[in-house]
Protein backbone atom coordinates (compact mmCIF):
# COMPACT_ATOMS: atom_id res chain seq x y z
CA UNK A 1 25.74 132.30 78.37
CA UNK A 2 27.29 129.35 76.58
CA UNK A 3 30.79 128.58 74.80
CA UNK A 4 30.66 127.27 71.28
CA UNK A 5 33.28 124.55 70.94
CA UNK A 6 35.58 126.85 69.12
CA UNK A 7 34.75 130.30 70.53
CA UNK A 8 37.72 132.25 71.26
CA UNK A 9 36.63 132.24 74.92
CA UNK A 10 35.81 128.45 75.04
CA UNK A 11 39.61 127.85 74.11
CA UNK A 12 40.95 130.45 76.21
CA UNK A 13 38.75 128.65 79.23
CA UNK A 14 39.97 124.99 78.21
CA UNK A 15 44.02 126.44 78.28
CA UNK A 16 43.74 127.80 81.45
CA UNK A 17 42.17 124.53 83.02
CA UNK A 18 45.00 122.32 81.13
CA UNK A 19 47.35 124.53 82.75
CA UNK A 20 45.90 124.12 86.47
CA UNK A 21 47.82 120.78 87.39
CA UNK A 22 50.97 121.56 85.93
CA UNK A 23 50.86 125.01 88.14
CA UNK A 24 50.13 122.84 90.66
CA UNK A 25 52.73 120.58 90.29
CA UNK A 26 55.59 123.52 89.88
CA UNK A 27 53.83 125.04 93.04
CA UNK A 28 54.16 121.99 94.95
CA UNK A 29 57.93 121.30 93.48
CA UNK A 30 58.78 124.57 94.67
CA UNK A 31 57.96 124.24 97.74
CA UNK A 32 59.16 120.71 98.58
CA UNK A 33 62.27 121.87 97.38
CA UNK A 34 65.05 123.57 99.95
CA UNK A 35 65.71 127.07 99.17
CA UNK A 36 69.30 127.16 100.11
CA UNK A 37 72.51 125.35 100.39
CA UNK A 38 71.45 124.99 104.11
CA UNK A 39 68.55 123.32 103.76
CA UNK A 40 69.86 120.57 101.78
CA UNK A 41 73.08 119.92 105.00
CA UNK A 42 69.82 120.09 106.84
CA UNK A 43 68.17 117.64 104.98
CA UNK A 44 71.34 115.41 104.96
CA UNK A 45 71.90 116.01 108.52
CA UNK A 46 68.67 114.62 109.23
CA UNK A 47 68.86 111.28 106.63
CA UNK A 48 71.71 110.61 108.97
CA UNK A 49 70.08 110.71 112.13
CA UNK A 50 72.53 109.12 114.80
CA UNK A 51 74.01 107.09 112.70
CA UNK A 52 77.58 107.05 113.33
CA UNK A 53 78.82 106.20 109.11
CA UNK A 54 76.50 108.73 107.65
CA UNK A 55 77.16 111.50 110.05
CA UNK A 56 80.87 111.38 109.59
CA UNK A 57 79.94 111.51 105.58
CA UNK A 58 77.88 114.73 106.56
CA UNK A 59 81.16 115.94 108.24
CA UNK A 60 83.20 114.76 105.75
CA UNK A 61 81.24 116.78 103.01
CA UNK A 62 80.57 120.36 105.11
CA UNK A 63 82.38 122.93 103.42
CA UNK A 64 85.18 124.41 104.59
CA UNK A 65 86.79 120.65 106.62
CA UNK A 66 90.36 121.36 107.31
CA UNK A 67 92.85 118.48 106.46
CA UNK A 68 93.00 115.56 108.97
CA UNK A 69 96.52 114.99 111.16
CA UNK A 70 98.17 111.86 109.43
CA UNK A 71 98.53 109.54 112.17
CA UNK A 72 99.92 105.95 111.66
CA UNK A 73 97.58 103.06 110.99
CA UNK A 74 98.39 99.51 112.03
CA UNK A 75 97.16 96.83 109.66
CA UNK A 76 93.83 94.70 110.06
CA UNK A 77 91.63 92.44 108.22
CA UNK A 78 88.19 93.43 107.92
CA UNK A 79 87.38 90.44 106.66
CA UNK A 80 88.41 86.99 105.98
CA UNK A 81 89.88 87.97 102.37
CA UNK A 82 90.34 91.98 102.62
CA UNK A 83 93.22 94.09 104.56
CA UNK A 84 93.51 97.43 105.16
CA UNK A 85 96.67 99.03 105.12
CA UNK A 86 97.85 102.67 105.45
CA UNK A 87 97.44 105.93 107.68
CA UNK A 88 94.48 107.61 108.94
CA UNK A 89 94.36 109.88 106.03
CA UNK A 90 94.59 107.33 103.41
CA UNK A 91 94.37 103.91 102.89
CA UNK A 92 94.91 100.80 100.40
CA UNK A 93 92.63 98.24 100.17
CA UNK A 94 94.07 94.52 99.97
CA UNK A 95 91.41 91.78 98.06
CA UNK A 96 93.29 88.47 99.07
CA UNK A 97 92.30 86.00 96.40
CA UNK A 98 93.00 82.58 95.94
CA UNK A 99 94.98 83.25 93.00
CA UNK A 100 97.11 86.94 94.67
CA UNK A 101 96.27 89.94 95.35
CA UNK A 102 94.15 92.33 93.97
CA UNK A 103 95.39 96.25 95.61
CA UNK A 104 93.12 98.78 95.50
CA UNK A 105 95.08 101.91 95.73
CA UNK A 106 98.85 102.20 96.56
CA UNK A 107 99.03 105.15 98.68
CA UNK A 108 101.29 108.40 98.52
CA UNK A 109 104.55 106.84 97.06
CA UNK A 110 106.93 104.58 96.90
CA UNK A 111 108.13 104.44 100.48
CA UNK A 112 104.77 104.16 101.62
CA UNK A 113 104.78 100.99 98.99
CA UNK A 114 107.74 99.70 100.95
CA UNK A 115 107.05 100.69 104.40
CA UNK A 116 103.54 100.39 104.83
CA UNK A 117 102.18 97.97 102.12
CA UNK A 118 104.99 95.54 101.73
CA UNK A 119 105.00 94.92 105.35
CA UNK A 120 101.41 95.55 106.47
CA UNK A 121 100.25 92.15 104.17
CA UNK A 122 102.98 90.57 105.58
CA UNK A 123 101.46 91.43 109.02
CA UNK A 124 98.49 89.97 108.43
CA UNK A 125 99.29 86.81 106.58
CA UNK A 126 99.89 87.91 103.50
CA UNK A 127 102.52 87.36 100.66
CA UNK A 128 103.06 90.72 98.82
CA UNK A 129 104.83 89.25 95.82
CA UNK A 130 101.44 87.63 95.30
CA UNK A 131 99.96 90.85 94.27
CA UNK A 132 98.76 90.77 91.28
CA UNK A 133 97.44 93.74 90.29
CA UNK A 134 97.50 97.60 91.20
CA UNK A 135 93.85 99.23 90.58
CA UNK A 136 94.04 102.99 91.44
CA UNK A 137 90.74 104.39 91.90
CA UNK A 138 91.61 107.85 90.86
CA UNK A 139 94.83 109.41 89.50
CA UNK A 140 95.50 111.62 92.71
CA UNK A 141 99.07 111.03 94.16
CA UNK A 142 97.81 109.81 97.55
CA UNK A 143 96.43 106.88 95.64
CA UNK A 144 98.76 106.01 92.65
CA UNK A 145 101.97 107.07 94.09
CA UNK A 146 103.64 103.79 95.50
CA UNK A 147 101.87 101.43 92.32
CA UNK A 148 104.85 101.83 89.85
CA UNK A 149 107.28 100.48 93.04
CA UNK A 150 104.82 97.39 93.33
CA UNK A 151 104.85 96.97 89.65
CA UNK A 152 108.11 97.36 89.67
CA UNK A 153 109.19 94.48 92.84
CA UNK A 154 106.29 92.47 91.89
CA UNK A 155 105.51 92.61 88.52
CA UNK A 156 101.85 93.60 89.02
CA UNK A 157 99.66 95.37 86.65
CA UNK A 158 98.83 98.86 87.46
CA UNK A 159 94.79 99.31 86.33
CA UNK A 160 93.33 103.03 86.13
CA UNK A 161 90.49 104.38 83.94
CA UNK A 162 92.00 105.87 80.30
CA UNK A 163 90.70 109.39 81.45
CA UNK A 164 93.00 109.85 84.62
CA UNK A 165 95.56 107.81 82.62
CA UNK A 166 95.40 110.93 80.46
CA UNK A 167 95.03 112.89 83.47
CA UNK A 168 98.29 111.78 84.57
CA UNK A 169 99.73 112.36 81.09
CA UNK A 170 99.00 115.71 81.23
CA UNK A 171 100.55 116.71 84.36
CA UNK A 172 103.18 114.37 84.93
CA UNK A 173 103.49 114.41 88.21
CA UNK A 174 106.12 112.83 90.43
CA UNK A 175 106.00 108.58 91.06
CA UNK A 176 103.39 108.68 88.11
CA UNK A 177 103.14 104.73 87.30
CA UNK A 178 104.00 104.34 83.76
CA UNK A 179 100.73 103.59 81.37
CA UNK A 180 99.25 100.37 81.90
CA UNK A 181 95.75 98.75 82.01
CA UNK A 182 92.83 100.83 81.24
CA UNK A 183 89.45 100.41 83.29
CA UNK A 184 86.51 100.69 81.22
CA UNK A 185 82.82 101.15 82.25
CA UNK A 186 81.56 97.45 83.51
CA UNK A 187 84.94 96.19 83.50
CA UNK A 188 85.54 93.05 84.79
CA UNK A 189 88.52 91.39 86.77
CA UNK A 190 88.76 88.14 87.93
CA UNK A 191 91.34 86.43 90.02
CA UNK A 192 90.77 83.30 91.42
CA UNK A 193 87.40 83.03 93.77
CA UNK A 194 87.33 86.96 93.05
CA UNK A 195 85.64 89.02 90.68
CA UNK A 196 85.67 92.70 90.57
CA UNK A 197 83.04 95.01 88.86
CA UNK A 198 84.71 98.15 87.81
CA UNK A 199 81.89 101.15 87.50
CA UNK A 200 82.82 104.54 86.25
CA UNK A 201 82.34 107.40 88.90
CA UNK A 202 83.63 110.70 87.24
CA UNK A 203 83.48 114.12 89.46
CA UNK A 204 85.95 113.53 91.66
CA UNK A 205 88.34 113.39 88.90
CA UNK A 206 87.39 112.77 84.93
CA UNK A 207 87.83 108.60 85.50
CA UNK A 208 87.34 108.06 89.17
CA UNK A 209 86.53 104.31 89.15
CA UNK A 210 84.12 102.60 92.13
CA UNK A 211 84.80 98.75 92.29
CA UNK A 212 81.94 96.05 93.62
CA UNK A 213 83.13 92.68 95.10
CA UNK A 214 82.08 89.97 96.97
CA UNK A 215 83.76 89.63 100.47
CA UNK A 216 83.66 86.90 103.48
CA UNK A 217 82.97 87.17 106.94
CA UNK A 218 82.97 84.02 109.19
CA UNK A 219 82.81 82.28 105.71
CA UNK A 220 79.75 84.20 105.05
CA UNK A 221 79.49 85.89 101.81
CA UNK A 222 78.32 89.78 101.33
CA UNK A 223 79.16 92.49 98.55
CA UNK A 224 80.74 94.66 99.07
CA UNK A 225 81.20 98.52 97.01
CA UNK A 226 84.22 101.19 97.69
CA UNK A 227 83.52 104.60 96.62
CA UNK A 228 86.44 105.85 94.49
CA UNK A 229 86.60 109.82 95.12
CA UNK A 230 84.27 111.76 98.26
CA UNK A 231 86.11 115.06 98.34
CA UNK A 232 84.02 117.12 96.29
CA UNK A 233 85.38 119.03 93.02
CA UNK A 234 86.08 122.66 93.18
CA UNK A 235 84.28 123.33 89.82
CA UNK A 236 80.49 123.54 89.75
CA UNK A 237 80.09 121.36 87.09
CA UNK A 238 82.45 118.67 88.27
CA UNK A 239 80.32 118.34 91.42
CA UNK A 240 77.10 118.02 88.90
CA UNK A 241 79.09 115.08 87.37
CA UNK A 242 79.90 113.63 90.73
CA UNK A 243 76.11 114.01 91.74
CA UNK A 244 75.43 111.98 88.65
CA UNK A 245 77.89 109.85 89.69
CA UNK A 246 76.56 109.07 92.88
CA UNK A 247 72.89 108.37 91.51
CA UNK A 248 74.07 106.23 88.98
CA UNK A 249 76.12 104.58 91.32
CA UNK A 250 73.77 103.97 94.04
CA UNK A 251 71.60 102.08 91.35
CA UNK A 252 74.81 99.80 90.41
CA UNK A 253 75.03 99.02 94.19
CA UNK A 254 71.07 98.32 94.61
CA UNK A 255 70.68 95.28 91.63
CA UNK A 256 74.14 94.08 92.98
CA UNK A 257 72.99 93.67 96.42
CA UNK A 258 75.45 95.52 97.90
CA UNK A 259 75.26 95.58 101.86
CA UNK A 260 79.19 96.57 102.92
CA UNK A 261 80.04 100.17 102.45
CA UNK A 262 83.89 101.24 102.24
CA UNK A 263 86.04 104.03 101.00
CA UNK A 264 89.91 104.94 100.79
CA UNK A 265 89.69 107.38 103.16
CA UNK A 266 88.51 105.89 106.21
CA UNK A 267 87.35 109.47 107.90
CA UNK A 268 85.17 109.88 105.62
CA UNK A 269 82.87 107.49 107.22
CA UNK A 270 83.39 106.40 110.51
CA UNK A 271 85.73 103.30 108.86
CA UNK A 272 88.52 103.97 111.09
CA UNK A 273 86.93 103.72 114.29
CA UNK A 274 84.81 100.88 112.53
CA UNK A 275 88.73 99.09 112.31
CA UNK A 276 89.39 99.77 115.56
CA UNK A 277 86.27 97.78 117.02
CA UNK A 278 87.50 95.28 114.86
CA UNK A 279 90.68 95.31 116.09
CA UNK A 280 89.66 95.42 119.88
CA UNK A 281 86.48 93.03 119.02
CA UNK A 282 84.28 95.37 120.66
CA UNK A 283 82.03 94.37 117.67
CA UNK A 284 81.28 90.90 118.90
CA UNK A 285 79.77 88.47 116.49
CA UNK A 286 78.59 91.23 113.69
CA UNK A 287 81.45 93.32 111.30
CA UNK A 288 80.50 97.14 111.48
CA UNK A 289 81.48 97.26 107.68
CA UNK A 290 78.24 95.19 106.99
CA UNK A 291 75.56 98.08 107.20
CA UNK A 292 72.69 96.22 105.05
CA UNK A 293 71.31 96.90 101.68
CA UNK A 294 69.00 99.71 102.95
CA UNK A 295 72.16 101.60 104.84
CA UNK A 296 74.35 101.49 102.22
CA UNK A 297 71.89 103.17 99.55
CA UNK A 298 71.05 105.65 102.70
CA UNK A 299 74.55 106.54 102.31
CA UNK A 300 74.51 107.41 98.79
CA UNK A 301 71.05 109.38 99.52
CA UNK A 302 72.85 111.38 101.78
CA UNK A 303 76.19 111.92 99.89
CA UNK A 304 73.79 113.13 96.94
CA UNK A 305 72.14 115.64 99.22
CA UNK A 306 75.08 116.87 100.14
CA UNK A 307 76.58 117.43 96.83
CA UNK A 308 73.03 119.45 95.92
CA UNK A 309 74.25 121.61 98.76
CA UNK A 310 77.64 122.39 97.92
CA UNK A 311 75.98 122.85 94.19
CA UNK A 312 73.78 125.19 95.24
CA UNK A 313 76.21 127.00 97.89
CA UNK A 314 78.26 127.69 94.56
CA UNK A 315 74.96 129.39 92.69
CA UNK A 316 74.65 131.42 96.21
CA UNK A 317 78.07 132.67 96.27
CA UNK A 318 77.88 133.80 92.76
CA UNK A 319 74.24 135.42 93.04
CA UNK A 320 72.79 132.53 90.89
CA UNK A 321 70.15 131.44 93.20
CA UNK A 322 66.97 131.70 91.48
CA UNK A 323 68.52 128.89 89.66
CA UNK A 324 69.95 126.76 92.50
CA UNK A 325 67.26 124.82 93.05
CA UNK A 326 67.50 123.56 89.21
CA UNK A 327 71.15 123.46 88.84
CA UNK A 328 70.92 120.75 92.24
CA UNK A 329 68.77 118.48 90.42
CA UNK A 330 70.79 117.43 87.04
CA UNK A 331 68.94 114.16 85.34
CA UNK A 332 66.24 114.71 87.95
CA UNK A 333 64.58 111.35 86.75
CA UNK A 334 67.29 109.14 88.10
CA UNK A 335 65.88 106.92 91.18
CA UNK A 336 68.18 106.81 94.26
CA UNK A 337 66.49 104.76 96.87
CA UNK A 338 66.60 104.55 100.60
């Protein structure tokens, strides 16, 4: 039997043939996509392997994790030009430039600033009166609480994204700093020999920012990132926003050649243990925060995978398993490298 070029039978066969590759791709994607939140968590654990930094991240992003016990943390220079000050729960990061200090986050209260940040800087050989900028990574009290004290005491300028300044204006929390400088996407702050690039990474809060900046270890230059807000937000839509931020920031990291991973909560990335390695000298000549470009990208991929699991878990809880996989892949064309 033969078909004419315009016969209905021929058109039907051609249409069916055209659909075969699409159907194959959909079937392949369906087979490859995890079917449950646990599948994502398992995938993240496999990506993490035996890497203590990545395993800590998986644990931190696993649902149901309780708040850690807060303990004192002795100040420590983690690089030639970086000091970490705070507690076992939250830390402020001081960038020690040739013209003063850029402080990323300010702990939870004026008392914290006075009794932890100020003496902590002095103990590592830095002068707290040289704090020129206090950068608030996001608008939660454990990050902005000491900012106004430092502004009043030393004339430091306080920086935050517009969205989180607005958040504080709406919520009016205790110890909120007076509105000052706004951080815009791609904003670059130069102080002395250090330039910090800020990127919006909303989700944890509407205006969370994550900086990329140079650091030196034993005189050798590296490029660091500091993820501004790790704990997944409650709302599914905000989790999707966080996932999109992870993917976008991973691309910025790759472009900048980031090989150092930092966080303002050292419990989520094995940072506390790495600080103690440096303190004890057990890291040898190396620096455990210099994890290399590939591992920093894998860090972001593990975070993205865990967030996808959290999104699907929300869908499962609402009886939406049929659309869970789609919900976990916003902007799927965005590439995150590993």
